């Protein structure tokens, strides 16, 4: 029976990187999906959907949505990592950091919903 290799720091770092990539990817995909759906619905209700705005919501819009998601995801992930790794912190500090992470997550959702509405309004202003 072959001996098992002890878990090295490189193997742990690789699995943590893969987990981070997976979480970041799913967060970004969710933000892009919300951006496209909300932007499309808002453009359909208030403006012409099957014209340039409909295309502009998807093409540069997905990059804008990914950037907005990253702006909220990176600090959220750093705060949550600090909460998870620092159990020696006082309970009050952990609760405060958890509340900050919750506000960042909520801000990401609000930005994913409000962003495309503002983007469509901006498009409407420049394309009229």
N, C-alpha and C. Protein backbone atom coordinates (compact mmCIF):
# COMPACT_ATOMS: atom_id res chain seq x y z
N UNK A 1 0.85 -1.17 0.00
CA UNK A 1 0.00 0.00 0.00
C UNK A 1 0.89 1.24 0.00
N UNK A 2 0.69 2.15 -0.95
CA UNK A 2 1.55 3.33 -1.02
C UNK A 2 1.28 4.28 0.14
N UNK A 3 2.35 4.95 0.55
CA UNK A 3 2.20 5.91 1.63
C UNK A 3 1.58 7.19 1.09
N UNK A 4 0.77 7.80 1.91
CA UNK A 4 0.12 9.04 1.51
C UNK A 4 1.07 10.20 1.75
N UNK A 5 1.07 11.11 0.82
CA UNK A 5 1.88 12.31 0.98
C UNK A 5 1.21 13.23 1.99
N UNK A 6 2.01 13.85 2.83
CA UNK A 6 1.39 14.84 3.72
C UNK A 6 0.91 16.04 2.90
N UNK A 7 -0.11 16.66 3.39
CA UNK A 7 -0.66 17.80 2.67
C UNK A 7 0.31 18.97 2.80
N UNK A 8 0.73 19.45 1.68
CA UNK A 8 1.69 20.56 1.69
C UNK A 8 0.94 21.88 1.59
N UNK A 9 1.67 22.95 1.87
CA UNK A 9 1.08 24.28 1.77
C UNK A 9 0.69 24.59 0.33
N UNK A 10 1.45 24.07 -0.64
CA UNK A 10 1.13 24.32 -2.04
C UNK A 10 -0.19 23.68 -2.43
N UNK A 11 -0.43 22.46 -1.93
CA UNK A 11 -1.69 21.78 -2.24
C UNK A 11 -2.86 22.53 -1.61
N UNK A 12 -2.68 23.02 -0.37
CA UNK A 12 -3.73 23.77 0.28
C UNK A 12 -3.99 25.09 -0.44
N UNK A 13 -2.91 25.76 -0.83
CA UNK A 13 -3.06 27.03 -1.55
C UNK A 13 -3.77 26.81 -2.88
N UNK A 14 -3.46 25.72 -3.55
CA UNK A 14 -4.10 25.44 -4.83
C UNK A 14 -5.60 25.21 -4.65
N UNK A 15 -5.98 24.46 -3.62
CA UNK A 15 -7.40 24.22 -3.40
C UNK A 15 -8.11 25.49 -2.95
N UNK A 16 -7.44 26.34 -2.17
CA UNK A 16 -8.05 27.61 -1.78
C UNK A 16 -8.21 28.53 -2.98
N UNK A 17 -7.21 28.53 -3.87
CA UNK A 17 -7.31 29.35 -5.09
C UNK A 17 -8.46 28.86 -5.97
N UNK A 18 -8.59 27.55 -6.07
CA UNK A 18 -9.68 27.00 -6.89
C UNK A 18 -11.04 27.35 -6.27
N UNK A 19 -11.13 27.29 -4.95
CA UNK A 19 -12.39 27.63 -4.29
C UNK A 19 -12.70 29.11 -4.48
N UNK A 20 -11.67 29.97 -4.36
CA UNK A 20 -11.86 31.40 -4.56
C UNK A 20 -12.31 31.68 -6.00
N UNK A 21 -11.65 31.05 -6.96
CA UNK A 21 -12.03 31.24 -8.36
C UNK A 21 -13.47 30.82 -8.62
N UNK A 22 -13.86 29.72 -8.01
CA UNK A 22 -15.22 29.22 -8.20
C UNK A 22 -16.25 30.19 -7.60
N UNK A 23 -15.97 30.68 -6.39
CA UNK A 23 -16.90 31.60 -5.75
C UNK A 23 -16.96 32.92 -6.50
N UNK A 24 -15.80 33.45 -6.91
CA UNK A 24 -15.77 34.71 -7.65
C UNK A 24 -16.49 34.58 -8.99
N UNK A 25 -16.30 33.45 -9.65
CA UNK A 25 -16.95 33.22 -10.93
C UNK A 25 -18.47 33.16 -10.79
N UNK A 26 -18.94 32.44 -9.79
CA UNK A 26 -20.39 32.35 -9.61
C UNK A 26 -20.98 33.69 -9.20
N UNK A 27 -20.27 34.47 -8.39
CA UNK A 27 -20.74 35.80 -7.99
C UNK A 27 -20.85 36.71 -9.21
N UNK A 28 -19.82 36.67 -10.05
CA UNK A 28 -19.81 37.50 -11.25
C UNK A 28 -20.90 37.07 -12.24
N UNK A 29 -21.07 35.77 -12.42
CA UNK A 29 -22.12 35.28 -13.33
C UNK A 29 -23.50 35.71 -12.85
N UNK A 30 -23.72 35.65 -11.53
CA UNK A 30 -25.00 36.09 -10.98
C UNK A 30 -25.24 37.57 -11.22
N UNK A 31 -24.20 38.39 -11.02
CA UNK A 31 -24.33 39.83 -11.25
C UNK A 31 -24.59 40.12 -12.72
N UNK A 32 -23.92 39.41 -13.61
CA UNK A 32 -24.14 39.62 -15.04
C UNK A 32 -25.55 39.20 -15.44
N UNK A 33 -26.02 38.08 -14.90
CA UNK A 33 -27.37 37.61 -15.19
C UNK A 33 -28.41 38.63 -14.73
N UNK A 34 -28.25 39.13 -13.49
CA UNK A 34 -29.19 40.12 -12.96
C UNK A 34 -29.13 41.39 -13.81
N UNK A 35 -27.91 41.81 -14.18
CA UNK A 35 -27.74 43.02 -15.01
C UNK A 35 -28.51 42.88 -16.32
N UNK A 36 -28.32 41.76 -16.99
CA UNK A 36 -28.96 41.57 -18.30
C UNK A 36 -30.48 41.51 -18.18
N UNK A 37 -30.99 40.77 -17.22
CA UNK A 37 -32.44 40.64 -17.06
C UNK A 37 -33.07 41.98 -16.69
N UNK A 38 -32.50 42.65 -15.66
CA UNK A 38 -33.08 43.92 -15.22
C UNK A 38 -32.96 44.97 -16.33
N UNK A 39 -31.80 45.05 -16.97
CA UNK A 39 -31.61 46.03 -18.04
C UNK A 39 -32.53 45.78 -19.21
N UNK A 40 -32.69 44.52 -19.56
CA UNK A 40 -33.57 44.17 -20.67
C UNK A 40 -35.02 44.51 -20.36
N UNK A 41 -35.46 44.17 -19.16
CA UNK A 41 -36.85 44.46 -18.77
C UNK A 41 -37.07 45.97 -18.71
N UNK A 42 -36.12 46.69 -18.10
CA UNK A 42 -36.28 48.14 -18.00
C UNK A 42 -36.28 48.80 -19.38
N UNK A 43 -35.41 48.34 -20.27
CA UNK A 43 -35.38 48.89 -21.62
C UNK A 43 -36.66 48.55 -22.37
N UNK A 44 -37.20 47.35 -22.16
CA UNK A 44 -38.43 46.96 -22.84
C UNK A 44 -39.62 47.79 -22.38
N UNK A 45 -39.64 48.10 -21.10
CA UNK A 45 -40.77 48.85 -20.55
C UNK A 45 -40.68 50.33 -20.89
N UNK A 46 -39.48 50.89 -20.86
CA UNK A 46 -39.35 52.35 -21.01
C UNK A 46 -38.84 52.81 -22.36
N UNK A 47 -38.34 51.89 -23.17
CA UNK A 47 -37.67 52.32 -24.39
C UNK A 47 -37.77 51.22 -25.43
N UNK A 48 -37.00 51.33 -26.50
CA UNK A 48 -37.01 50.32 -27.55
C UNK A 48 -36.03 49.21 -27.20
N UNK A 49 -36.53 48.02 -27.10
CA UNK A 49 -35.68 46.90 -26.70
C UNK A 49 -34.89 46.34 -27.88
N UNK A 50 -35.52 46.22 -29.03
CA UNK A 50 -34.88 45.55 -30.16
C UNK A 50 -34.14 46.52 -31.07
N UNK A 51 -33.52 47.47 -30.48
CA UNK A 51 -32.72 48.43 -31.21
C UNK A 51 -31.36 48.45 -30.56
N UNK A 52 -30.61 49.48 -30.71
CA UNK A 52 -29.25 49.57 -30.15
C UNK A 52 -29.22 49.36 -28.64
N UNK A 53 -30.16 49.89 -27.86
CA UNK A 53 -30.09 49.69 -26.41
C UNK A 53 -30.11 48.22 -25.99
N UNK A 54 -30.89 47.42 -26.68
CA UNK A 54 -30.93 46.00 -26.34
C UNK A 54 -29.59 45.33 -26.52
N UNK A 55 -28.87 45.72 -27.57
CA UNK A 55 -27.54 45.17 -27.81
C UNK A 55 -26.53 45.74 -26.82
N UNK A 56 -26.64 47.04 -26.55
CA UNK A 56 -25.69 47.68 -25.65
C UNK A 56 -25.85 47.22 -24.20
N UNK A 57 -27.01 46.74 -23.84
CA UNK A 57 -27.19 46.20 -22.49
C UNK A 57 -26.35 44.94 -22.34
N UNK A 58 -26.30 44.13 -23.39
CA UNK A 58 -25.57 42.87 -23.29
C UNK A 58 -24.08 43.01 -23.54
N UNK A 59 -23.69 43.67 -24.62
CA UNK A 59 -22.27 43.63 -24.97
C UNK A 59 -21.37 44.38 -24.00
N UNK A 60 -21.41 45.71 -23.92
CA UNK A 60 -20.52 46.29 -22.91
C UNK A 60 -21.10 46.15 -21.51
N UNK A 61 -22.39 45.89 -21.42
CA UNK A 61 -23.04 45.77 -20.12
C UNK A 61 -22.50 44.63 -19.28
N UNK A 62 -22.15 43.52 -19.90
CA UNK A 62 -21.64 42.40 -19.11
C UNK A 62 -20.28 42.72 -18.50
N UNK A 63 -19.49 43.53 -19.18
CA UNK A 63 -18.20 43.92 -18.62
C UNK A 63 -18.39 44.91 -17.47
N UNK A 64 -19.34 45.82 -17.63
CA UNK A 64 -19.64 46.76 -16.55
C UNK A 64 -20.18 46.00 -15.34
N UNK A 65 -21.05 45.03 -15.57
CA UNK A 65 -21.60 44.25 -14.47
C UNK A 65 -20.52 43.45 -13.77
N UNK A 66 -19.59 42.88 -14.53
CA UNK A 66 -18.48 42.15 -13.92
C UNK A 66 -17.59 43.05 -13.08
N UNK A 67 -17.36 44.27 -13.55
CA UNK A 67 -16.56 45.23 -12.80
C UNK A 67 -17.26 45.64 -11.51
N UNK A 68 -18.56 45.90 -11.59
CA UNK A 68 -19.33 46.25 -10.40
C UNK A 68 -19.32 45.09 -9.40
N UNK A 69 -19.46 43.87 -9.91
CA UNK A 69 -19.43 42.71 -9.02
C UNK A 69 -18.07 42.60 -8.34
N UNK A 70 -17.00 42.84 -9.06
CA UNK A 70 -15.66 42.75 -8.47
C UNK A 70 -15.45 43.84 -7.42
N UNK A 71 -15.99 45.02 -7.66
CA UNK A 71 -15.84 46.12 -6.71
C UNK A 71 -16.47 45.76 -5.36
N UNK A 72 -17.57 45.03 -5.38
CA UNK A 72 -18.20 44.64 -4.13
C UNK A 72 -17.71 43.28 -3.62
N UNK A 73 -17.31 42.38 -4.52
CA UNK A 73 -16.94 41.04 -4.10
C UNK A 73 -15.58 41.00 -3.39
N UNK A 74 -14.60 41.72 -3.91
CA UNK A 74 -13.25 41.64 -3.33
C UNK A 74 -13.24 42.10 -1.87
N UNK A 75 -13.81 43.28 -1.54
CA UNK A 75 -13.83 43.63 -0.11
C UNK A 75 -14.68 42.68 0.73
N UNK A 76 -15.80 42.20 0.16
CA UNK A 76 -16.63 41.23 0.88
C UNK A 76 -15.84 39.98 1.22
N UNK A 77 -15.13 39.47 0.26
CA UNK A 77 -14.35 38.24 0.47
C UNK A 77 -13.23 38.47 1.47
N UNK A 78 -12.55 39.62 1.41
CA UNK A 78 -11.48 39.91 2.35
C UNK A 78 -12.00 40.03 3.78
N UNK A 79 -13.14 40.68 3.95
CA UNK A 79 -13.72 40.82 5.28
C UNK A 79 -14.15 39.46 5.81
N UNK A 80 -14.81 38.66 4.97
CA UNK A 80 -15.24 37.33 5.43
C UNK A 80 -14.05 36.42 5.75
N UNK A 81 -12.97 36.56 4.98
CA UNK A 81 -11.78 35.76 5.26
C UNK A 81 -11.19 36.15 6.61
N UNK A 82 -11.23 37.44 6.93
CA UNK A 82 -10.73 37.90 8.22
C UNK A 82 -11.59 37.37 9.35
N UNK A 83 -12.90 37.36 9.15
CA UNK A 83 -13.81 36.83 10.17
C UNK A 83 -13.56 35.34 10.38
N UNK A 84 -13.40 34.61 9.30
CA UNK A 84 -13.20 33.16 9.41
C UNK A 84 -11.86 32.82 10.06
N UNK A 85 -10.82 33.54 9.68
CA UNK A 85 -9.48 33.21 10.17
C UNK A 85 -9.15 33.79 11.53
N UNK A 86 -9.91 34.73 12.01
CA UNK A 86 -9.55 35.42 13.24
C UNK A 86 -10.58 35.17 14.34
N UNK A 87 -10.66 33.96 14.81
CA UNK A 87 -11.60 33.66 15.88
C UNK A 87 -11.17 34.25 17.21
N UNK A 88 -9.90 34.69 17.29
CA UNK A 88 -9.44 35.27 18.54
C UNK A 88 -9.92 36.71 18.73
N UNK A 89 -10.51 37.29 17.70
CA UNK A 89 -11.07 38.63 17.83
C UNK A 89 -12.21 38.63 18.84
N UNK A 90 -12.44 39.77 19.41
CA UNK A 90 -13.59 39.89 20.30
C UNK A 90 -14.87 39.62 19.52
N UNK A 91 -15.86 39.19 20.25
CA UNK A 91 -17.14 38.91 19.61
C UNK A 91 -17.71 40.15 18.94
N UNK A 92 -17.56 41.30 19.58
CA UNK A 92 -18.10 42.54 19.04
C UNK A 92 -17.44 42.90 17.70
N UNK A 93 -16.13 42.68 17.59
CA UNK A 93 -15.45 42.95 16.32
C UNK A 93 -15.90 41.99 15.23
N UNK A 94 -16.07 40.70 15.60
CA UNK A 94 -16.53 39.72 14.61
C UNK A 94 -17.92 40.07 14.10
N UNK A 95 -18.79 40.49 15.01
CA UNK A 95 -20.15 40.87 14.62
C UNK A 95 -20.10 42.09 13.71
N UNK A 96 -19.27 43.07 14.05
CA UNK A 96 -19.14 44.26 13.21
C UNK A 96 -18.61 43.93 11.83
N UNK A 97 -17.61 43.05 11.76
CA UNK A 97 -17.07 42.65 10.46
C UNK A 97 -18.10 41.86 9.65
N UNK A 98 -18.87 41.03 10.33
CA UNK A 98 -19.92 40.27 9.63
C UNK A 98 -21.00 41.22 9.11
N UNK A 99 -21.34 42.23 9.89
CA UNK A 99 -22.32 43.22 9.41
C UNK A 99 -21.78 44.00 8.22
N UNK A 100 -20.48 44.34 8.25
CA UNK A 100 -19.86 45.03 7.11
C UNK A 100 -19.91 44.14 5.87
N UNK A 101 -19.61 42.85 6.04
CA UNK A 101 -19.66 41.93 4.91
C UNK A 101 -21.08 41.81 4.38
N UNK A 102 -22.06 41.80 5.26
CA UNK A 102 -23.46 41.74 4.83
C UNK A 102 -23.85 42.99 4.04
N UNK A 103 -23.40 44.15 4.51
CA UNK A 103 -23.69 45.39 3.78
C UNK A 103 -23.01 45.40 2.42
N UNK A 104 -21.80 44.87 2.32
CA UNK A 104 -21.13 44.78 1.03
C UNK A 104 -21.87 43.85 0.08
N UNK A 105 -22.34 42.73 0.60
CA UNK A 105 -23.11 41.79 -0.23
C UNK A 105 -24.42 42.43 -0.69
N UNK A 106 -25.09 43.11 0.22
CA UNK A 106 -26.34 43.79 -0.13
C UNK A 106 -26.08 44.91 -1.13
N UNK A 107 -24.98 45.65 -0.94
CA UNK A 107 -24.62 46.69 -1.90
C UNK A 107 -24.35 46.14 -3.28
N UNK A 108 -23.75 44.95 -3.34
CA UNK A 108 -23.53 44.30 -4.63
C UNK A 108 -24.83 43.97 -5.33
N UNK A 109 -25.82 43.50 -4.57
CA UNK A 109 -27.12 43.19 -5.17
C UNK A 109 -27.83 44.45 -5.62
N UNK A 110 -27.79 45.50 -4.80
CA UNK A 110 -28.44 46.75 -5.17
C UNK A 110 -27.77 47.35 -6.40
N UNK A 111 -26.44 47.28 -6.48
CA UNK A 111 -25.73 47.81 -7.64
C UNK A 111 -26.05 47.00 -8.89
N UNK A 112 -26.22 45.68 -8.73
CA UNK A 112 -26.56 44.84 -9.88
C UNK A 112 -27.97 45.13 -10.39
N UNK A 113 -28.84 45.63 -9.53
CA UNK A 113 -30.20 45.98 -9.95
C UNK A 113 -30.27 47.44 -10.41
N UNK A 114 -29.65 48.34 -9.66
CA UNK A 114 -29.71 49.76 -9.99
C UNK A 114 -28.79 50.16 -11.13
N UNK A 115 -27.69 49.43 -11.29
CA UNK A 115 -26.72 49.74 -12.34
C UNK A 115 -27.31 49.72 -13.74
N UNK A 116 -28.00 48.65 -14.13
CA UNK A 116 -28.55 48.63 -15.48
C UNK A 116 -29.64 49.67 -15.71
N UNK A 117 -30.38 50.02 -14.66
CA UNK A 117 -31.40 51.06 -14.81
C UNK A 117 -30.73 52.39 -15.12
N UNK A 118 -29.69 52.72 -14.37
CA UNK A 118 -28.94 53.94 -14.64
C UNK A 118 -28.26 53.91 -15.99
N UNK A 119 -27.77 52.74 -16.37
CA UNK A 119 -27.11 52.56 -17.67
C UNK A 119 -28.08 52.78 -18.82
N UNK A 120 -29.29 52.26 -18.70
CA UNK A 120 -30.30 52.45 -19.75
C UNK A 120 -30.71 53.92 -19.82
N UNK A 121 -30.83 54.57 -18.66
CA UNK A 121 -31.15 56.00 -18.66
C UNK A 121 -30.04 56.80 -19.33
N UNK A 122 -28.80 56.43 -19.07
CA UNK A 122 -27.66 57.10 -19.70
C UNK A 122 -27.66 56.87 -21.21
N UNK A 123 -27.93 55.63 -21.62
CA UNK A 123 -28.02 55.34 -23.06
C UNK A 123 -29.14 56.16 -23.71
N UNK A 124 -30.26 56.22 -23.03
CA UNK A 124 -31.40 56.95 -23.58
C UNK A 124 -31.04 58.43 -23.76
N UNK A 125 -30.30 58.97 -22.81
CA UNK A 125 -29.89 60.38 -22.89
C UNK A 125 -28.96 60.63 -24.08
N UNK A 126 -28.00 59.73 -24.31
CA UNK A 126 -27.03 59.94 -25.38
C UNK A 126 -27.49 59.49 -26.76
N UNK A 127 -28.45 58.58 -26.83
CA UNK A 127 -28.88 58.06 -28.12
C UNK A 127 -30.15 58.72 -28.66
N UNK A 128 -30.68 59.66 -27.97
CA UNK A 128 -31.87 60.35 -28.48
C UNK A 128 -31.53 61.39 -29.48
